[in-house]
Each structure stands twice: as C-alpha cells, then as structure tokens.
C-alpha cells in the first residue's frame, strides 16, 4: 500500500494530520460518564458530549482542486 493514492480531495485546515487525540479523549469521557450512570442506575440521564469539529487539532476540513494540488493526493 505504500504506492496507493488518496481518492477524496479533502484535507484538514490546520497543521495536524488527524483528530485522533480529540476523538480518543471524547470517547474516554463518554465511557466514564456512562459507567457512572450505570453504577448509579441513571442510564436515562446520560447525554453524549457534543462533537465540535472546530475544537480539534485540524479545525475542520475543506475540499481542494486535485488538478492544482496533486501532492495532497499522496498518502
């Protein structure tokens, strides 16, 4: 797969390549809240933490013209 090409012309806005840390942190907080609710038998009161894409490392995504920037299509 080292010679594969990216097919979707979408990149992140900031310098971060992924949102892995933000997603991992959010999932962890949700699991902790769910475990607490289950132990106190308040399952109906559990609400998911809202996902704000602009608060992550990439600050959202945008499309680009692959003919102008073919280097972004390399993985």
PDB file of N, CA and C in Angstrom:
ATOM      1  N   UNK A   1       0.806  -1.198   0.000  1.00  0.00           N
ATOM      2  CA  UNK A   1       0.000   0.000   0.000  1.00  0.00           C
ATOM      3  C   UNK A   1       0.852   1.267   0.000  1.00  0.00           C
ATOM      4  N   UNK A   2       2.122   1.164  -0.056  1.00  0.00           N
ATOM      5  CA  UNK A   2       2.953   2.363   0.005  1.00  0.00           C
ATOM      6  C   UNK A   2       2.823   3.230  -1.239  1.00  0.00           C
ATOM      7  N   UNK A   3       2.318   2.677  -2.321  1.00  0.00           N
ATOM      8  CA  UNK A   3       2.173   3.459  -3.544  1.00  0.00           C
ATOM      9  C   UNK A   3       0.712   3.832  -3.818  1.00  0.00           C
ATOM     10  N   UNK A   4      -0.123   3.706  -2.818  1.00  0.00           N
ATOM     11  CA  UNK A   4      -1.533   3.996  -3.025  1.00  0.00           C
ATOM     12  C   UNK A   4      -1.761   5.510  -3.029  1.00  0.00           C
ATOM     13  N   UNK A   5      -2.858   5.916  -3.648  1.00  0.00           N
ATOM     14  CA  UNK A   5      -3.219   7.320  -3.732  1.00  0.00           C
ATOM     15  C   UNK A   5      -4.529   7.566  -3.017  1.00  0.00           C
ATOM     16  N   UNK A   6      -4.625   8.733  -2.434  1.00  0.00           N
ATOM     17  CA  UNK A   6      -5.854   9.166  -1.796  1.00  0.00           C
ATOM     18  C   UNK A   6      -6.843   9.568  -2.886  1.00  0.00           C
ATOM     19  N   UNK A   7      -8.089   9.177  -2.762  1.00  0.00           N
ATOM     20  CA  UNK A   7      -9.053   9.433  -3.818  1.00  0.00           C
ATOM     21  C   UNK A   7     -10.000  10.580  -3.521  1.00  0.00           C
ATOM     22  N   UNK A   8     -10.203  10.925  -2.265  1.00  0.00           N
ATOM     23  CA  UNK A   8     -11.109  12.003  -1.891  1.00  0.00           C
ATOM     24  C   UNK A   8     -10.311  13.285  -1.689  1.00  0.00           C
ATOM     25  N   UNK A   9     -10.626  14.347  -2.408  1.00  0.00           N
ATOM     26  CA  UNK A   9      -9.857  15.594  -2.282  1.00  0.00           C
ATOM     27  C   UNK A   9     -10.298  16.439  -1.085  1.00  0.00           C
ATOM     28  N   UNK A  10     -10.067  15.924   0.128  1.00  0.00           N
ATOM     29  CA  UNK A  10     -10.415  16.648   1.351  1.00  0.00           C
ATOM     30  C   UNK A  10      -9.200  16.640   2.267  1.00  0.00           C
ATOM     31  N   UNK A  11      -8.837  17.802   2.799  1.00  0.00           N
ATOM     32  CA  UNK A  11      -7.722  17.904   3.733  1.00  0.00           C
ATOM     33  C   UNK A  11      -8.150  18.727   4.939  1.00  0.00           C
ATOM     34  N   UNK A  12      -7.380  18.633   6.017  1.00  0.00           N
ATOM     35  CA  UNK A  12      -7.649  19.418   7.212  1.00  0.00           C
ATOM     36  C   UNK A  12      -7.174  20.847   7.054  1.00  0.00           C
ATOM     37  N   UNK A  13      -7.770  21.751   7.818  1.00  0.00           N
ATOM     38  CA  UNK A  13      -7.438  23.167   7.710  1.00  0.00           C
ATOM     39  C   UNK A  13      -6.134  23.530   8.413  1.00  0.00           C
ATOM     40  N   UNK A  14      -5.811  22.881   9.500  1.00  0.00           N
ATOM     41  CA  UNK A  14      -4.625  23.229  10.276  1.00  0.00           C
ATOM     42  C   UNK A  14      -3.497  22.234  10.013  1.00  0.00           C
ATOM     43  N   UNK A  15      -2.429  22.359  10.761  1.00  0.00           N
ATOM     44  CA  UNK A  15      -1.247  21.545  10.507  1.00  0.00           C
ATOM     45  C   UNK A  15      -1.370  20.114  11.024  1.00  0.00           C
ATOM     46  N   UNK A  16      -2.328  19.836  11.883  1.00  0.00           N
ATOM     47  CA  UNK A  16      -2.481  18.490  12.412  1.00  0.00           C
ATOM     48  C   UNK A  16      -3.014  17.552  11.333  1.00  0.00           C
ATOM     49  N   UNK A  17      -2.498  16.333  11.277  1.00  0.00           N
ATOM     50  CA  UNK A  17      -2.927  15.391  10.241  1.00  0.00           C
ATOM     51  C   UNK A  17      -4.146  14.589  10.657  1.00  0.00           C
ATOM     52  N   UNK A  18      -4.426  14.493  11.947  1.00  0.00           N
ATOM     53  CA  UNK A  18      -5.576  13.693  12.368  1.00  0.00           C
ATOM     54  C   UNK A  18      -6.233  14.312  13.590  1.00  0.00           C
ATOM     55  N   UNK A  19      -7.391  13.775  13.915  1.00  0.00           N
ATOM     56  CA  UNK A  19      -8.137  14.204  15.094  1.00  0.00           C
ATOM     57  C   UNK A  19      -8.138  13.094  16.136  1.00  0.00           C
ATOM     58  N   UNK A  20      -7.148  12.245  16.071  1.00  0.00           N
ATOM     59  CA  UNK A  20      -7.121  11.048  16.901  1.00  0.00           C
ATOM     60  C   UNK A  20      -7.164  11.378  18.390  1.00  0.00           C
ATOM     61  N   UNK A  21      -6.366  12.330  18.849  1.00  0.00           N
ATOM     62  CA  UNK A  21      -6.318  12.650  20.272  1.00  0.00           C
ATOM     63  C   UNK A  21      -7.665  13.181  20.747  1.00  0.00           C
ATOM     64  N   UNK A  22      -8.291  14.056  19.976  1.00  0.00           N
ATOM     65  CA  UNK A  22      -9.580  14.620  20.368  1.00  0.00           C
ATOM     66  C   UNK A  22     -10.660  13.543  20.416  1.00  0.00           C
ATOM     67  N   UNK A  23     -10.670  12.645  19.422  1.00  0.00           N
ATOM     68  CA  UNK A  23     -11.664  11.577  19.401  1.00  0.00           C
ATOM     69  C   UNK A  23     -11.448  10.615  20.567  1.00  0.00           C
ATOM     70  N   UNK A  24     -10.196  10.309  20.857  1.00  0.00           N
ATOM     71  CA  UNK A  24      -9.881   9.398  21.949  1.00  0.00           C
ATOM     72  C   UNK A  24     -10.299  10.001  23.294  1.00  0.00           C
ATOM     73  N   UNK A  25     -10.028  11.273  23.471  1.00  0.00           N
ATOM     74  CA  UNK A  25     -10.373  11.965  24.702  1.00  0.00           C
ATOM     75  C   UNK A  25     -11.888  12.032  24.886  1.00  0.00           C
ATOM     76  N   UNK A  26     -12.613  12.339  23.812  1.00  0.00           N
ATOM     77  CA  UNK A  26     -14.075  12.425  23.877  1.00  0.00           C
ATOM     78  C   UNK A  26     -14.682  11.063  24.200  1.00  0.00           C
ATOM     79  N   UNK A  27     -14.202  10.009  23.563  1.00  0.00           N
ATOM     80  CA  UNK A  27     -14.716   8.660  23.823  1.00  0.00           C
ATOM     81  C   UNK A  27     -14.463   8.254  25.270  1.00  0.00           C
ATOM     82  N   UNK A  28     -13.300   8.590  25.772  1.00  0.00           N
ATOM     83  CA  UNK A  28     -12.966   8.253  27.156  1.00  0.00           C
ATOM     84  C   UNK A  28     -13.919   8.941  28.123  1.00  0.00           C
ATOM     85  N   UNK A  29     -14.166  10.241  27.909  1.00  0.00           N
ATOM     86  CA  UNK A  29     -15.078  10.968  28.796  1.00  0.00           C
ATOM     87  C   UNK A  29     -16.492  10.410  28.726  1.00  0.00           C
ATOM     88  N   UNK A  30     -16.931   9.987  27.547  1.00  0.00           N
ATOM     89  CA  UNK A  30     -18.263   9.402  27.410  1.00  0.00           C
ATOM     90  C   UNK A  30     -18.361   8.059  28.127  1.00  0.00           C
ATOM     91  N   UNK A  31     -17.319   7.233  28.012  1.00  0.00           N
ATOM     92  CA  UNK A  31     -17.338   5.937  28.699  1.00  0.00           C
ATOM     93  C   UNK A  31     -17.366   6.119  30.210  1.00  0.00           C
ATOM     94  N   UNK A  32     -16.611   7.092  30.720  1.00  0.00           N
ATOM     95  CA  UNK A  32     -16.592   7.356  32.158  1.00  0.00           C
ATOM     96  C   UNK A  32     -17.980   7.802  32.621  1.00  0.00           C
ATOM     97  N   UNK A  33     -18.615   8.707  31.871  1.00  0.00           N
ATOM     98  CA  UNK A  33     -19.944   9.187  32.235  1.00  0.00           C
ATOM     99  C   UNK A  33     -20.961   8.046  32.203  1.00  0.00           C
ATOM    100  N   UNK A  34     -20.848   7.178  31.209  1.00  0.00           N
ATOM    101  CA  UNK A  34     -21.778   6.055  31.106  1.00  0.00           C
ATOM    102  C   UNK A  34     -21.586   5.074  32.257  1.00  0.00           C
ATOM    103  N   UNK A  35     -20.342   4.783  32.609  1.00  0.00           N
ATOM    104  CA  UNK A  35     -20.088   3.878  33.737  1.00  0.00           C
ATOM    105  C   UNK A  35     -20.651   4.439  35.038  1.00  0.00           C
ATOM    106  N   UNK A  36     -20.484   5.757  35.246  1.00  0.00           N
ATOM    107  CA  UNK A  36     -21.033   6.382  36.464  1.00  0.00           C
ATOM    108  C   UNK A  36     -22.550   6.298  36.474  1.00  0.00           C
ATOM    109  N   UNK A  37     -23.172   6.542  35.320  1.00  0.00           N
ATOM    110  CA  UNK A  37     -24.632   6.496  35.247  1.00  0.00           C
ATOM    111  C   UNK A  37     -25.152   5.083  35.499  1.00  0.00           C
ATOM    112  N   UNK A  38     -24.450   4.084  34.963  1.00  0.00           N
ATOM    113  CA  UNK A  38     -24.881   2.702  35.173  1.00  0.00           C
ATOM    114  C   UNK A  38     -24.727   2.314  36.637  1.00  0.00           C
ATOM    115  N   UNK A  39     -23.646   2.745  37.263  1.00  0.00           N
ATOM    116  CA  UNK A  39     -23.445   2.384  38.671  1.00  0.00           C
ATOM    117  C   UNK A  39     -24.461   3.070  39.582  1.00  0.00           C
ATOM    118  N   UNK A  40     -24.964   4.231  39.177  1.00  0.00           N
ATOM    119  CA  UNK A  40     -25.987   4.941  39.963  1.00  0.00           C
ATOM    120  C   UNK A  40     -27.390   4.698  39.410  1.00  0.00           C
ATOM    121  N   UNK A  41     -27.493   3.824  38.413  1.00  0.00           N
ATOM    122  CA  UNK A  41     -28.761   3.459  37.785  1.00  0.00           C
ATOM    123  C   UNK A  41     -29.498   4.669  37.210  1.00  0.00           C
ATOM    124  N   UNK A  42     -28.761   5.580  36.575  1.00  0.00           N
ATOM    125  CA  UNK A  42     -29.342   6.762  35.928  1.00  0.00           C
ATOM    126  C   UNK A  42     -29.072   6.730  34.431  1.00  0.00           C
ATOM    127  N   UNK A  43     -29.324   5.608  33.796  1.00  0.00           N
ATOM    128  CA  UNK A  43     -28.991   5.465  32.383  1.00  0.00           C
ATOM    129  C   UNK A  43     -29.724   6.463  31.490  1.00  0.00           C
ATOM    130  N   UNK A  44     -30.910   6.876  31.870  1.00  0.00           N
ATOM    131  CA  UNK A  44     -31.695   7.798  31.039  1.00  0.00           C
ATOM    132  C   UNK A  44     -31.096   9.208  31.035  1.00  0.00           C
ATOM    133  N   UNK A  45     -30.288   9.531  32.034  1.00  0.00           N
ATOM    134  CA  UNK A  45     -29.734  10.881  32.142  1.00  0.00           C
ATOM    135  C   UNK A  45     -28.416  11.067  31.402  1.00  0.00           C
ATOM    136  N   UNK A  46     -27.896  10.036  30.759  1.00  0.00           N
ATOM    137  CA  UNK A  46     -26.607  10.135  30.065  1.00  0.00           C
ATOM    138  C   UNK A  46     -26.807  10.852  28.738  1.00  0.00           C
ATOM    139  N   UNK A  47     -26.042  11.917  28.522  1.00  0.00           N
ATOM    140  CA  UNK A  47     -26.077  12.640  27.255  1.00  0.00           C
ATOM    141  C   UNK A  47     -24.687  12.603  26.642  1.00  0.00           C
ATOM    142  N   UNK A  48     -24.647  12.451  25.332  1.00  0.00           N
ATOM    143  CA  UNK A  48     -23.360  12.432  24.650  1.00  0.00           C
ATOM    144  C   UNK A  48     -22.750  13.828  24.650  1.00  0.00           C
ATOM    145  N   UNK A  49     -21.442  13.879  24.729  1.00  0.00           N
ATOM    146  CA  UNK A  49     -20.733  15.142  24.687  1.00  0.00           C
ATOM    147  C   UNK A  49     -20.790  15.660  23.255  1.00  0.00           C
ATOM    148  N   UNK A  50     -21.203  16.901  23.034  1.00  0.00           N
ATOM    149  CA  UNK A  50     -21.298  17.393  21.651  1.00  0.00           C
ATOM    150  C   UNK A  50     -19.930  17.423  20.969  1.00  0.00           C
ATOM    151  N   UNK A  51     -19.914  17.034  19.712  1.00  0.00           N
ATOM    152  CA  UNK A  51     -18.677  16.977  18.928  1.00  0.00           C
ATOM    153  C   UNK A  51     -18.512  18.296  18.190  1.00  0.00           C
ATOM    154  N   UNK A  52     -17.466  19.038  18.506  1.00  0.00           N
ATOM    155  CA  UNK A  52     -17.186  20.299  17.827  1.00  0.00           C
ATOM    156  C   UNK A  52     -15.939  20.103  16.982  1.00  0.00           C
ATOM    157  N   UNK A  53     -16.130  19.994  15.683  1.00  0.00           N
ATOM    158  CA  UNK A  53     -15.010  19.725  14.779  1.00  0.00           C
ATOM    159  C   UNK A  53     -13.995  20.864  14.780  1.00  0.00           C
ATOM    160  N   UNK A  54     -14.434  22.073  15.089  1.00  0.00           N
ATOM    161  CA  UNK A  54     -13.537  23.229  15.084  1.00  0.00           C
ATOM    162  C   UNK A  54     -12.701  23.305  16.350  1.00  0.00           C
ATOM    163  N   UNK A  55     -12.981  22.440  17.314  1.00  0.00           N
ATOM    164  CA  UNK A  55     -12.228  22.445  18.558  1.00  0.00           C
ATOM    165  C   UNK A  55     -11.140  21.371  18.564  1.00  0.00           C
ATOM    166  N   UNK A  56     -10.981  20.650  17.473  1.00  0.00           N
ATOM    167  CA  UNK A  56      -9.987  19.586  17.383  1.00  0.00           C
ATOM    168  C   UNK A  56      -8.682  20.121  16.787  1.00  0.00           C
ATOM    169  N   UNK A  57      -7.725  19.238  16.589  1.00  0.00           N
ATOM    170  CA  UNK A  57      -6.427  19.657  16.079  1.00  0.00           C
ATOM    171  C   UNK A  57      -6.441  20.139  14.640  1.00  0.00           C
ATOM    172  N   UNK A  58      -7.377  19.641  13.845  1.00  0.00           N
ATOM    173  CA  UNK A  58      -7.390  20.009  12.430  1.00  0.00           C
ATOM    174  C   UNK A  58      -8.245  21.228  12.135  1.00  0.00           C
ATOM    175  N   UNK A  59      -9.136  21.606  13.022  1.00  0.00           N
ATOM    176  CA  UNK A  59     -10.052  22.738  12.805  1.00  0.00           C
ATOM    177  C   UNK A  59     -10.893  22.559  11.555  1.00  0.00           C
ATOM    178  N   UNK A  60     -11.482  21.420  11.404  1.00  0.00           N
ATOM    179  CA  UNK A  60     -12.378  21.196  10.271  1.00  0.00           C
ATOM    180  C   UNK A  60     -11.670  20.689   9.036  1.00  0.00           C
ATOM    181  N   UNK A  61     -12.432  20.553   7.942  1.00  0.00           N
ATOM    182  CA  UNK A  61     -11.890  20.045   6.683  1.00  0.00           C
ATOM    183  C   UNK A  61     -12.406  20.894   5.533  1.00  0.00           C
ATOM    184  N   UNK A  62     -11.731  20.832   4.407  1.00  0.00           N
ATOM    185  CA  UNK A  62     -12.218  21.507   3.205  1.00  0.00           C
ATOM    186  C   UNK A  62     -11.767  20.737   1.965  1.00  0.00           C
ATOM    187  N   UNK A  63     -12.494  20.942   0.889  1.00  0.00           N
ATOM    188  CA  UNK A  63     -12.143  20.317  -0.392  1.00  0.00           C
ATOM    189  C   UNK A  63     -11.096  21.166  -1.101  1.00  0.00           C
ATOM    190  N   UNK A  64     -10.341  20.541  -1.987  1.00  0.00           N
ATOM    191  CA  UNK A  64      -9.367  21.259  -2.792  1.00  0.00           C
ATOM    192  C   UNK A  64      -9.439  20.749  -4.214  1.00  0.00           C
ATOM    193  N   UNK A  65      -8.864  21.483  -5.127  1.00  0.00           N
ATOM    194  CA  UNK A  65      -8.844  21.092  -6.529  1.00  0.00           C
ATOM    195  C   UNK A  65      -7.657  20.160  -6.745  1.00  0.00           C
ATOM    196  N   UNK A  66      -7.897  18.883  -7.057  1.00  0.00           N
ATOM    197  CA  UNK A  66      -6.787  17.934  -7.198  1.00  0.00           C
ATOM    198  C   UNK A  66      -5.888  18.225  -8.393  1.00  0.00           C
ATOM    199  N   UNK A  67      -6.378  18.978  -9.364  1.00  0.00           N
ATOM    200  CA  UNK A  67      -5.528  19.324 -10.505  1.00  0.00           C
ATOM    201  C   UNK A  67      -4.512  20.396 -10.123  1.00  0.00           C
ATOM    202  N   UNK A  68      -4.884  21.283  -9.211  1.00  0.00           N
ATOM    203  CA  UNK A  68      -3.951  22.325  -8.757  1.00  0.00           C
ATOM    204  C   UNK A  68      -2.952  21.799  -7.731  1.00  0.00           C
ATOM    205  N   UNK A  69      -3.404  20.898  -6.853  1.00  0.00           N
ATOM    206  CA  UNK A  69      -2.565  20.396  -5.760  1.00  0.00           C
ATOM    207  C   UNK A  69      -2.483  18.871  -5.792  1.00  0.00           C
ATOM    208  N   UNK A  70      -1.816  18.293  -6.766  1.00  0.00           N
ATOM    209  CA  UNK A  70      -1.750  16.820  -6.824  1.00  0.00           C
ATOM    210  C   UNK A  70      -0.932  16.215  -5.679  1.00  0.00           C
ATOM    211  N   UNK A  71      -0.073  16.992  -5.036  1.00  0.00           N
ATOM    212  CA  UNK A  71       0.737  16.463  -3.931  1.00  0.00           C
ATOM    213  C   UNK A  71      -0.105  16.115  -2.720  1.00  0.00           C
ATOM    214  N   UNK A  72      -1.302  16.726  -2.581  1.00  0.00           N
ATOM    215  CA  UNK A  72      -2.177  16.416  -1.450  1.00  0.00           C
ATOM    216  C   UNK A  72      -2.866  15.055  -1.615  1.00  0.00           C
ATOM    217  N   UNK A  73      -2.848  14.497  -2.820  1.00  0.00           N
ATOM    218  CA  UNK A  73      -3.477  13.202  -3.062  1.00  0.00           C
ATOM    219  C   UNK A  73      -2.548  12.047  -2.721  1.00  0.00           C
ATOM    220  N   UNK A  74      -1.294  12.308  -2.411  1.00  0.00           N
ATOM    221  CA  UNK A  74      -0.395  11.257  -1.965  1.00  0.00           C
ATOM    222  C   UNK A  74      -0.703  10.944  -0.517  1.00  0.00           C
ATOM    223  N   UNK A  75      -0.628   9.680  -0.160  1.00  0.00           N
ATOM    224  CA  UNK A  75      -0.827   9.308   1.244  1.00  0.00           C
ATOM    225  C   UNK A  75       0.459   9.418   1.992  1.00  0.00           C
TER     226      UNK A  75
END
